[in-house]
Amino acid sequence: MSDLTRTRLLALISANDGYGHTVPTGIDALDVTRALPPADVLLLVAGPDPDAMLFRYTAYGEMGGDSWHLSLDDAKAQAVGEYGAALMPWEAVPDEVGDAHAYAITFASDRLNDRGEW
């Protein structure tokens, strides 16, 4: 059972926007060998302010990074800033889902076709 004081949302990232979104890691942001994989799905978990986390995953379960934000609105603004028009509408993770991370990955995986398109 989920913690009902938290908001849990997910959004797919359009595979058709023509831009590969990657997040650099470590000190050298130009080192592509240390870049995280491009996200297919975002999971936003927010509690009472200040507390919101934005997680990025591929449809294959790889972690594409995470970031902490002061509020749900700040996390959504970050997602828009990173993904722009590629960000698809936010959807609520059902209350009965215990593991929102696994749910988001499965949600994305189930919707990805053989050509890597939604």
Foldseek 3Di string as FASTA:
>chain_A
DADVQKFKKKWFFFPPPPDFQWAADDDDSPPPVRIFGGFGMWIWIAGPFQWIKIWGAHLVGGTRDMDGGGGPVRNVVVVCVRRPPRTGDMDTDDPVDDDSSVVRSPVRNVPQDPVRGD
